[in-house]
Amino acid sequence: MSEPVGKWEQSLLLQKDPLTAKNTPETKIYSIKTLQKLLKRYAYVYVKHDTTGQGRAIYKISKRKDGTYCFNGFTLQGEPLNKCVATLNEFH
């Protein structure tokens, strides 16, 4: 039996195929630095845990005009989360 493929590996596979590459969103390995860069380019960013499923550990992150970061989504346990913080480090 083969090992399950995580979201990162799925993204790499989709980016290789010409039929799916143009419809695959930009995908990066998570770090606070990478998140900050993406939020400068996009109004919001989705962050997903590599191995979870069923909507768990998915966050929609945005940066408001006042500089606060807002996290909306679900924890690893599937609990809803709606929180705004002054810095990304506060969320971690």
PDB file of N, CA and C in Angstrom:
ATOM      1  N   MET A   1       0.844  -1.174   0.000  1.00  0.00           N
ATOM      2  CA  MET A   1       0.000   0.000   0.000  1.00  0.00           C
ATOM      3  C   MET A   1       0.892   1.240   0.000  1.00  0.00           C
ATOM      4  N   SER A   2       0.517   2.256  -0.714  1.00  0.00           N
ATOM      5  CA  SER A   2       1.333   3.462  -0.806  1.00  0.00           C
ATOM      6  C   SER A   2       1.021   4.426   0.341  1.00  0.00           C
ATOM      7  N   GLU A   3       1.973   5.298   0.603  1.00  0.00           N
ATOM      8  CA  GLU A   3       1.816   6.317   1.643  1.00  0.00           C
ATOM      9  C   GLU A   3       0.883   7.410   1.138  1.00  0.00           C
ATOM     10  N   PRO A   4       0.092   8.025   2.058  1.00  0.00           N
ATOM     11  CA  PRO A   4      -0.769   9.127   1.629  1.00  0.00           C
ATOM     12  C   PRO A   4       0.066  10.336   1.193  1.00  0.00           C
ATOM     13  N   VAL A   5      -0.468  11.081   0.267  1.00  0.00           N
ATOM     14  CA  VAL A   5       0.213  12.264  -0.254  1.00  0.00           C
ATOM     15  C   VAL A   5      -0.344  13.488   0.461  1.00  0.00           C
ATOM     16  N   GLY A   6       0.545  14.312   1.022  1.00  0.00           N
ATOM     17  CA  GLY A   6       0.135  15.526   1.715  1.00  0.00           C
ATOM     18  C   GLY A   6      -0.239  16.633   0.731  1.00  0.00           C
ATOM     19  N   LYS A   7      -0.745  17.728   1.274  1.00  0.00           N
ATOM     20  CA  LYS A   7      -1.182  18.846   0.438  1.00  0.00           C
ATOM     21  C   LYS A   7      -0.023  19.470  -0.344  1.00  0.00           C
ATOM     22  N   TRP A   8       1.161  19.514   0.271  1.00  0.00           N
ATOM     23  CA  TRP A   8       2.319  20.079  -0.420  1.00  0.00           C
ATOM     24  C   TRP A   8       2.666  19.229  -1.645  1.00  0.00           C
ATOM     25  N   GLU A   9       2.724  17.925  -1.480  1.00  0.00           N
ATOM     26  CA  GLU A   9       3.040  17.034  -2.603  1.00  0.00           C
ATOM     27  C   GLU A   9       1.952  17.094  -3.668  1.00  0.00           C
ATOM     28  N   GLN A  10       0.694  17.194  -3.251  1.00  0.00           N
ATOM     29  CA  GLN A  10      -0.407  17.325  -4.207  1.00  0.00           C
ATOM     30  C   GLN A  10      -0.226  18.581  -5.052  1.00  0.00           C
ATOM     31  N   SER A  11       0.133  19.681  -4.385  1.00  0.00           N
ATOM     32  CA  SER A  11       0.329  20.937  -5.100  1.00  0.00           C
ATOM     33  C   SER A  11       1.446  20.819  -6.131  1.00  0.00           C
ATOM     34  N   LEU A  12       2.548  20.189  -5.734  1.00  0.00           N
ATOM     35  CA  LEU A  12       3.663  20.007  -6.675  1.00  0.00           C
ATOM     36  C   LEU A  12       3.239  19.189  -7.887  1.00  0.00           C
ATOM     37  N   LEU A  13       2.470  18.129  -7.660  1.00  0.00           N
ATOM     38  CA  LEU A  13       1.988  17.303  -8.771  1.00  0.00           C
ATOM     39  C   LEU A  13       1.063  18.096  -9.695  1.00  0.00           C
ATOM     40  N   LEU A  14       0.154  18.881  -9.112  1.00  0.00           N
ATOM     41  CA  LEU A  14      -0.776  19.669  -9.917  1.00  0.00           C
ATOM     42  C   LEU A  14      -0.057  20.750 -10.720  1.00  0.00           C
ATOM     43  N   GLN A  15       1.007  21.307 -10.173  1.00  0.00           N
ATOM     44  CA  GLN A  15       1.759  22.349 -10.875  1.00  0.00           C
ATOM     45  C   GLN A  15       2.559  21.793 -12.048  1.00  0.00           C
ATOM     46  N   LYS A  16       2.862  20.507 -12.037  1.00  0.00           N
ATOM     47  CA  LYS A  16       3.630  19.882 -13.119  1.00  0.00           C
ATOM     48  C   LYS A  16       2.786  19.603 -14.355  1.00  0.00           C
ATOM     49  N   ASP A  17       1.504  19.370 -14.172  1.00  0.00           N
ATOM     50  CA  ASP A  17       0.631  19.001 -15.280  1.00  0.00           C
ATOM     51  C   ASP A  17       0.104  20.265 -15.969  1.00  0.00           C
ATOM     52  N   PRO A  18       0.317  20.408 -17.277  1.00  0.00           N
ATOM     53  CA  PRO A  18      -0.142  21.604 -17.987  1.00  0.00           C
ATOM     54  C   PRO A  18      -1.655  21.838 -17.894  1.00  0.00           C
ATOM     55  N   LEU A  19      -2.432  20.770 -17.734  1.00  0.00           N
ATOM     56  CA  LEU A  19      -3.885  20.929 -17.644  1.00  0.00           C
ATOM     57  C   LEU A  19      -4.329  21.544 -16.313  1.00  0.00           C
ATOM     58  N   THR A  20      -3.567  21.324 -15.262  1.00  0.00           N
ATOM     59  CA  THR A  20      -3.964  21.821 -13.942  1.00  0.00           C
ATOM     60  C   THR A  20      -3.093  22.970 -13.430  1.00  0.00           C
ATOM     61  N   ALA A  21      -1.914  23.146 -14.002  1.00  0.00           N
ATOM     62  CA  ALA A  21      -0.956  24.128 -13.483  1.00  0.00           C
ATOM     63  C   ALA A  21      -1.523  25.548 -13.457  1.00  0.00           C
ATOM     64  N   LYS A  22      -2.225  25.936 -14.500  1.00  0.00           N
ATOM     65  CA  LYS A  22      -2.715  27.323 -14.564  1.00  0.00           C
ATOM     66  C   LYS A  22      -3.851  27.585 -13.565  1.00  0.00           C
ATOM     67  N   ASN A  23      -4.453  26.535 -13.039  1.00  0.00           N
ATOM     68  CA  ASN A  23      -5.553  26.693 -12.081  1.00  0.00           C
ATOM     69  C   ASN A  23      -5.155  26.332 -10.651  1.00  0.00           C
ATOM     70  N   THR A  24      -3.881  26.068 -10.433  1.00  0.00           N
ATOM     71  CA  THR A  24      -3.392  25.723  -9.107  1.00  0.00           C
ATOM     72  C   THR A  24      -2.897  27.004  -8.428  1.00  0.00           C
ATOM     73  N   PRO A  25      -3.407  27.322  -7.242  1.00  0.00           N
ATOM     74  CA  PRO A  25      -2.978  28.559  -6.582  1.00  0.00           C
ATOM     75  C   PRO A  25      -1.518  28.484  -6.147  1.00  0.00           C
ATOM     76  N   GLU A  26      -0.916  29.644  -6.009  1.00  0.00           N
ATOM     77  CA  GLU A  26       0.452  29.713  -5.508  1.00  0.00           C
ATOM     78  C   GLU A  26       0.505  29.027  -4.145  1.00  0.00           C
ATOM     79  N   THR A  27       1.456  28.134  -3.973  1.00  0.00           N
ATOM     80  CA  THR A  27       1.546  27.350  -2.745  1.00  0.00           C
ATOM     81  C   THR A  27       2.975  27.414  -2.224  1.00  0.00           C
ATOM     82  N   LYS A  28       3.103  27.674  -0.932  1.00  0.00           N
ATOM     83  CA  LYS A  28       4.410  27.778  -0.281  1.00  0.00           C
ATOM     84  C   LYS A  28       4.403  26.969   1.005  1.00  0.00           C
ATOM     85  N   ILE A  29       5.590  26.566   1.454  1.00  0.00           N
ATOM     86  CA  ILE A  29       5.736  25.965   2.776  1.00  0.00           C
ATOM     87  C   ILE A  29       5.570  27.092   3.790  1.00  0.00           C
ATOM     88  N   TYR A  30       4.812  26.832   4.862  1.00  0.00           N
ATOM     89  CA  TYR A  30       4.478  27.874   5.824  1.00  0.00           C
ATOM     90  C   TYR A  30       5.666  28.330   6.657  1.00  0.00           C
ATOM     91  N   SER A  31       5.765  29.628   6.794  1.00  0.00           N
ATOM     92  CA  SER A  31       6.614  30.288   7.781  1.00  0.00           C
ATOM     93  C   SER A  31       6.000  31.672   7.990  1.00  0.00           C
ATOM     94  N   ILE A  32       6.292  32.286   9.107  1.00  0.00           N
ATOM     95  CA  ILE A  32       5.754  33.625   9.354  1.00  0.00           C
ATOM     96  C   ILE A  32       6.249  34.591   8.283  1.00  0.00           C
ATOM     97  N   LYS A  33       7.515  34.469   7.902  1.00  0.00           N
ATOM     98  CA  LYS A  33       8.094  35.349   6.887  1.00  0.00           C
ATOM     99  C   LYS A  33       7.373  35.199   5.537  1.00  0.00           C
ATOM    100  N   THR A  34       7.126  33.959   5.143  1.00  0.00           N
ATOM    101  CA  THR A  34       6.419  33.707   3.886  1.00  0.00           C
ATOM    102  C   THR A  34       4.993  34.248   3.957  1.00  0.00           C
ATOM    103  N   LEU A  35       4.323  34.046   5.093  1.00  0.00           N
ATOM    104  CA  LEU A  35       2.967  34.563   5.268  1.00  0.00           C
ATOM    105  C   LEU A  35       2.942  36.081   5.132  1.00  0.00           C
ATOM    106  N   GLN A  36       3.888  36.756   5.739  1.00  0.00           N
ATOM    107  CA  GLN A  36       3.947  38.219   5.641  1.00  0.00           C
ATOM    108  C   GLN A  36       4.118  38.666   4.197  1.00  0.00           C
ATOM    109  N   LYS A  37       4.981  37.989   3.450  1.00  0.00           N
ATOM    110  CA  LYS A  37       5.197  38.331   2.041  1.00  0.00           C
ATOM    111  C   LYS A  37       3.925  38.123   1.222  1.00  0.00           C
ATOM    112  N   LEU A  38       3.237  37.002   1.455  1.00  0.00           N
ATOM    113  CA  LEU A  38       2.016  36.725   0.694  1.00  0.00           C
ATOM    114  C   LEU A  38       0.913  37.732   1.023  1.00  0.00           C
ATOM    115  N   LEU A  39       0.827  38.152   2.289  1.00  0.00           N
ATOM    116  CA  LEU A  39      -0.207  39.117   2.672  1.00  0.00           C
ATOM    117  C   LEU A  39       0.065  40.516   2.123  1.00  0.00           C
ATOM    118  N   LYS A  40       1.288  40.775   1.690  1.00  0.00           N
ATOM    119  CA  LYS A  40       1.588  42.040   1.010  1.00  0.00           C
ATOM    120  C   LYS A  40       1.072  42.007  -0.429  1.00  0.00           C
ATOM    121  N   ARG A  41       0.973  40.792  -0.992  1.00  0.00           N
ATOM    122  CA  ARG A  41       0.547  40.627  -2.381  1.00  0.00           C
ATOM    123  C   ARG A  41      -0.937  40.314  -2.537  1.00  0.00           C
ATOM    124  N   TYR A  42      -1.527  39.673  -1.521  1.00  0.00           N
ATOM    125  CA  TYR A  42      -2.919  39.225  -1.611  1.00  0.00           C
ATOM    126  C   TYR A  42      -3.728  39.766  -0.436  1.00  0.00           C
ATOM    127  N   ALA A  43      -5.028  39.946  -0.640  1.00  0.00           N
ATOM    128  CA  ALA A  43      -5.917  40.439   0.412  1.00  0.00           C
ATOM    129  C   ALA A  43      -6.067  39.425   1.539  1.00  0.00           C
ATOM    130  N   TYR A  44      -5.978  38.155   1.213  1.00  0.00           N
ATOM    131  CA  TYR A  44      -6.044  37.103   2.216  1.00  0.00           C
ATOM    132  C   TYR A  44      -5.284  35.873   1.706  1.00  0.00           C
ATOM    133  N   VAL A  45      -4.914  35.013   2.646  1.00  0.00           N
ATOM    134  CA  VAL A  45      -4.152  33.807   2.344  1.00  0.00           C
ATOM    135  C   VAL A  45      -4.799  32.653   3.099  1.00  0.00           C
ATOM    136  N   TYR A  46      -4.900  31.512   2.450  1.00  0.00           N
ATOM    137  CA  TYR A  46      -5.370  30.307   3.127  1.00  0.00           C
ATOM    138  C   TYR A  46      -4.155  29.499   3.578  1.00  0.00           C
ATOM    139  N   VAL A  47      -4.181  29.079   4.828  1.00  0.00           N
ATOM    140  CA  VAL A  47      -3.130  28.223   5.377  1.00  0.00           C
ATOM    141  C   VAL A  47      -3.777  26.904   5.759  1.00  0.00           C
ATOM    142  N   LYS A  48      -3.192  25.821   5.259  1.00  0.00           N
ATOM    143  CA  LYS A  48      -3.733  24.488   5.528  1.00  0.00           C
ATOM    144  C   LYS A  48      -2.641  23.605   6.108  1.00  0.00           C
ATOM    145  N   HIS A  49      -3.012  22.811   7.081  1.00  0.00           N
ATOM    146  CA  HIS A  49      -2.096  21.815   7.626  1.00  0.00           C
ATOM    147  C   HIS A  49      -1.884  20.760   6.551  1.00  0.00           C
ATOM    148  N   ASP A  50      -0.675  20.266   6.435  1.00  0.00           N
ATOM    149  CA  ASP A  50      -0.328  19.374   5.328  1.00  0.00           C
ATOM    150  C   ASP A  50      -1.068  18.046   5.332  1.00  0.00           C
ATOM    151  N   THR A  51      -1.396  17.517   6.514  1.00  0.00           N
ATOM    152  CA  THR A  51      -1.933  16.159   6.540  1.00  0.00           C
ATOM    153  C   THR A  51      -3.353  16.030   7.071  1.00  0.00           C
ATOM    154  N   THR A  52      -4.002  17.120   7.428  1.00  0.00           N
ATOM    155  CA  THR A  52      -5.361  16.996   7.946  1.00  0.00           C
ATOM    156  C   THR A  52      -6.369  16.979   6.803  1.00  0.00           C
ATOM    157  N   GLY A  53      -7.595  16.684   7.150  1.00  0.00           N
ATOM    158  CA  GLY A  53      -8.670  16.685   6.171  1.00  0.00           C
ATOM    159  C   GLY A  53      -9.964  17.097   6.827  1.00  0.00           C
ATOM    160  N   GLN A  54     -11.041  17.049   6.082  1.00  0.00           N
ATOM    161  CA  GLN A  54     -12.386  17.331   6.581  1.00  0.00           C
ATOM    162  C   GLN A  54     -12.526  18.751   7.124  1.00  0.00           C
ATOM    163  N   GLY A  55     -11.761  19.698   6.573  1.00  0.00           N
ATOM    164  CA  GLY A  55     -11.891  21.104   6.966  1.00  0.00           C
ATOM    165  C   GLY A  55     -11.153  21.488   8.228  1.00  0.00           C
ATOM    166  N   ARG A  56     -10.414  20.556   8.827  1.00  0.00           N
ATOM    167  CA  ARG A  56      -9.684  20.872  10.052  1.00  0.00           C
ATOM    168  C   ARG A  56      -8.357  21.563   9.719  1.00  0.00           C
ATOM    169  N   ALA A  57      -7.945  22.478  10.612  1.00  0.00           N
ATOM    170  CA  ALA A  57      -6.662  23.186  10.506  1.00  0.00           C
ATOM    171  C   ALA A  57      -6.537  23.955   9.198  1.00  0.00           C
ATOM    172  N   ILE A  58      -7.604  24.647   8.823  1.00  0.00           N
ATOM    173  CA  ILE A  58      -7.588  25.538   7.671  1.00  0.00           C
ATOM    174  C   ILE A  58      -7.909  26.930   8.178  1.00  0.00           C
ATOM    175  N   TYR A  59      -7.064  27.898   7.813  1.00  0.00           N
ATOM    176  CA  TYR A  59      -7.264  29.281   8.254  1.00  0.00           C
ATOM    177  C   TYR A  59      -7.262  30.218   7.057  1.00  0.00           C
ATOM    178  N   LYS A  60      -8.175  31.153   7.079  1.00  0.00           N
ATOM    179  CA  LYS A  60      -8.158  32.259   6.133  1.00  0.00           C
ATOM    180  C   LYS A  60      -7.580  33.434   6.916  1.00  0.00           C
ATOM    181  N   ILE A  61      -6.447  33.921   6.465  1.00  0.00           N
ATOM    182  CA  ILE A  61      -5.735  34.969   7.191  1.00  0.00           C
ATOM    183  C   ILE A  61      -5.722  36.231   6.342  1.00  0.00           C
ATOM    184  N   SER A  62      -6.056  37.342   6.982  1.00  0.00           N
ATOM    185  CA  SER A  62      -6.029  38.626   6.299  1.00  0.00           C
ATOM    186  C   SER A  62      -5.355  39.659   7.191  1.00  0.00           C
ATOM    187  N   LYS A  63      -4.876  40.725   6.576  1.00  0.00           N
ATOM    188  CA  LYS A  63      -4.293  41.829   7.324  1.00  0.00           C
ATOM    189  C   LYS A  63      -5.176  43.041   7.101  1.00  0.00           C
ATOM    190  N   ARG A  64      -5.711  43.576   8.190  1.00  0.00           N
ATOM    191  CA  ARG A  64      -6.579  44.747   8.110  1.00  0.00           C
ATOM    192  C   ARG A  64      -5.766  46.016   7.868  1.00  0.00           C
ATOM    193  N   LYS A  65      -6.461  47.064   7.504  1.00  0.00           N
ATOM    194  CA  LYS A  65      -5.797  48.351   7.276  1.00  0.00           C
ATOM    195  C   LYS A  65      -5.162  48.900   8.549  1.00  0.00           C
ATOM    196  N   ASP A  66      -5.703  48.524   9.727  1.00  0.00           N
ATOM    197  CA  ASP A  66      -5.110  48.984  10.989  1.00  0.00           C
ATOM    198  C   ASP A  66      -3.894  48.151  11.392  1.00  0.00           C
ATOM    199  N   GLY A  67      -3.512  47.169  10.572  1.00  0.00           N
ATOM    200  CA  GLY A  67      -2.320  46.373  10.821  1.00  0.00           C
ATOM    201  C   GLY A  67      -2.552  45.082  11.583  1.00  0.00           C
ATOM    202  N   THR A  68      -3.765  44.837  12.041  1.00  0.00           N
ATOM    203  CA  THR A  68      -4.030  43.588  12.762  1.00  0.00           C
ATOM    204  C   THR A  68      -4.227  42.439  11.774  1.00  0.00           C
ATOM    205  N   TYR A  69      -3.900  41.252  12.255  1.00  0.00           N
ATOM    206  CA  TYR A  69      -4.048  40.040  11.461  1.00  0.00           C
ATOM    207  C   TYR A  69      -5.256  39.268  11.979  1.00  0.00           C
ATOM    208  N   CYS A  70      -6.132  38.852  11.071  1.00  0.00           N
ATOM    209  CA  CYS A  70      -7.334  38.127  11.468  1.00  0.00           C
ATOM    210  C   CYS A  70      -7.269  36.702  10.925  1.00  0.00           C
ATOM    211  N   PHE A  71      -7.580  35.762  11.816  1.00  0.00           N
ATOM    212  CA  PHE A  71      -7.572  34.335  11.509  1.00  0.00           C
ATOM    213  C   PHE A  71      -8.996  33.815  11.627  1.00  0.00           C
ATOM    214  N   ASN A  72      -9.499  33.226  10.566  1.00  0.00           N
ATOM    215  CA  ASN A  72     -10.823  32.602  10.561  1.00  0.00           C
ATOM    216  C   ASN A  72     -10.665  31.192  10.038  1.00  0.00           C
ATOM    217  N   GLY A  73     -11.249  30.240  10.746  1.00  0.00           N
ATOM    218  CA  GLY A  73     -11.150  28.862  10.282  1.00  0.00           C
ATOM    219  C   GLY A  73     -11.434  27.875  11.377  1.00  0.00           C
ATOM    220  N   PHE A  74     -10.712  26.752  11.325  1.00  0.00           N
ATOM    221  CA  PHE A  74     -10.947  25.654  12.256  1.00  0.00           C
ATOM    222  C   PHE A  74      -9.621  25.102  12.760  1.00  0.00           C
ATOM    223  N   THR A  75      -9.564  24.772  14.041  1.00  0.00           N
ATOM    224  CA  THR A  75      -8.372  24.217  14.658  1.00  0.00           C
ATOM    225  C   THR A  75      -8.166  22.772  14.226  1.00  0.00           C
ATOM    226  N   LEU A  76      -7.058  22.175  14.674  1.00  0.00           N
ATOM    227  CA  LEU A  76      -6.801  20.756  14.401  1.00  0.00           C
ATOM    228  C   LEU A  76      -7.909  19.867  14.936  1.00  0.00           C
ATOM    229  N   GLN A  77      -8.541  20.306  16.034  1.00  0.00           N
ATOM    230  CA  GLN A  77      -9.625  19.539  16.639  1.00  0.00           C
ATOM    231  C   GLN A  77     -10.979  19.807  15.978  1.00  0.00           C
ATOM    232  N   GLY A  78     -11.003  20.708  14.998  1.00  0.00           N
ATOM    233  CA  GLY A  78     -12.238  21.023  14.291  1.00  0.00           C
ATOM    234  C   GLY A  78     -13.071  22.112  14.947  1.00  0.00           C
ATOM    235  N   GLU A  79     -12.512  22.783  15.966  1.00  0.00           N
ATOM    236  CA  GLU A  79     -13.235  23.872  16.643  1.00  0.00           C
ATOM    237  C   GLU A  79     -13.124  25.154  15.821  1.00  0.00           C
ATOM    238  N   PRO A  80     -14.211  25.927  15.710  1.00  0.00           N
ATOM    239  CA  PRO A  80     -14.147  27.180  14.959  1.00  0.00           C
ATOM    240  C   PRO A  80     -13.209  28.188  15.632  1.00  0.00           C
ATOM    241  N   LEU A  81     -12.557  28.980  14.815  1.00  0.00           N
ATOM    242  CA  LEU A  81     -11.639  29.995  15.309  1.00  0.00           C
ATOM    243  C   LEU A  81     -11.898  31.297  14.572  1.00  0.00           C
ATOM    244  N   ASN A  82     -12.037  32.372  15.299  1.00  0.00           N
ATOM    245  CA  ASN A  82     -12.203  33.710  14.736  1.00  0.00           C
ATOM    246  C   ASN A  82     -11.473  34.655  15.676  1.00  0.00           C
ATOM    247  N   LYS A  83     -10.253  35.039  15.295  1.00  0.00           N
ATOM    248  CA  LYS A  83      -9.413  35.808  16.198  1.00  0.00           C
ATOM    249  C   LYS A  83      -8.579  36.810  15.426  1.00  0.00           C
ATOM    250  N   CYS A  84      -8.446  38.021  15.967  1.00  0.00           N
ATOM    251  CA  CYS A  84      -7.577  39.042  15.402  1.00  0.00           C
ATOM    252  C   CYS A  84      -6.489  39.376  16.426  1.00  0.00           C
ATOM    253  N   VAL A  85      -5.258  39.525  15.944  1.00  0.00           N
ATOM    254  CA  VAL A  85      -4.128  39.814  16.811  1.00  0.00           C
ATOM    255  C   VAL A  85      -3.291  40.934  16.203  1.00  0.00           C
ATOM    256  N   ALA A  86      -2.486  41.600  17.040  1.00  0.00           N
ATOM    257  CA  ALA A  86      -1.668  42.699  16.580  1.00  0.00           C
ATOM    258  C   ALA A  86      -0.451  42.227  15.772  1.00  0.00           C
ATOM    259  N   THR A  87       0.102  41.069  16.152  1.00  0.00           N
ATOM    260  CA  THR A  87       1.261  40.526  15.428  1.00  0.00           C
ATOM    261  C   THR A  87       1.042  39.040  15.148  1.00  0.00           C
ATOM    262  N   LEU A  88       1.706  38.539  14.147  1.00  0.00           N
ATOM    263  CA  LEU A  88       1.585  37.114  13.820  1.00  0.00           C
ATOM    264  C   LEU A  88       2.131  36.245  14.946  1.00  0.00           C
ATOM    265  N   ASN A  89       3.157  36.717  15.631  1.00  0.00           N
ATOM    266  CA  ASN A  89       3.723  35.947  16.742  1.00  0.00           C
ATOM    267  C   ASN A  89       2.706  35.719  17.849  1.00  0.00           C
ATOM    268  N   GLU A  90       1.771  36.631  18.044  1.00  0.00           N
ATOM    269  CA  GLU A  90       0.733  36.467  19.066  1.00  0.00           C
ATOM    270  C   GLU A  90      -0.148  35.255  18.771  1.00  0.00           C
ATOM    271  N   PHE A  91      -0.370  34.970  17.522  1.00  0.00           N
ATOM    272  CA  PHE A  91      -1.203  33.825  17.155  1.00  0.00           C
ATOM    273  C   PHE A  91      -0.486  32.515  17.437  1.00  0.00           C
ATOM    274  N   HIS A  92       0.815  32.516  17.216  1.00  0.00           N
ATOM    275  CA  HIS A  92       1.582  31.290  17.420  1.00  0.00           C
ATOM    276  C   HIS A  92       1.729  31.010  18.892  1.00  0.00           C
TER     277      HIS A  92
END
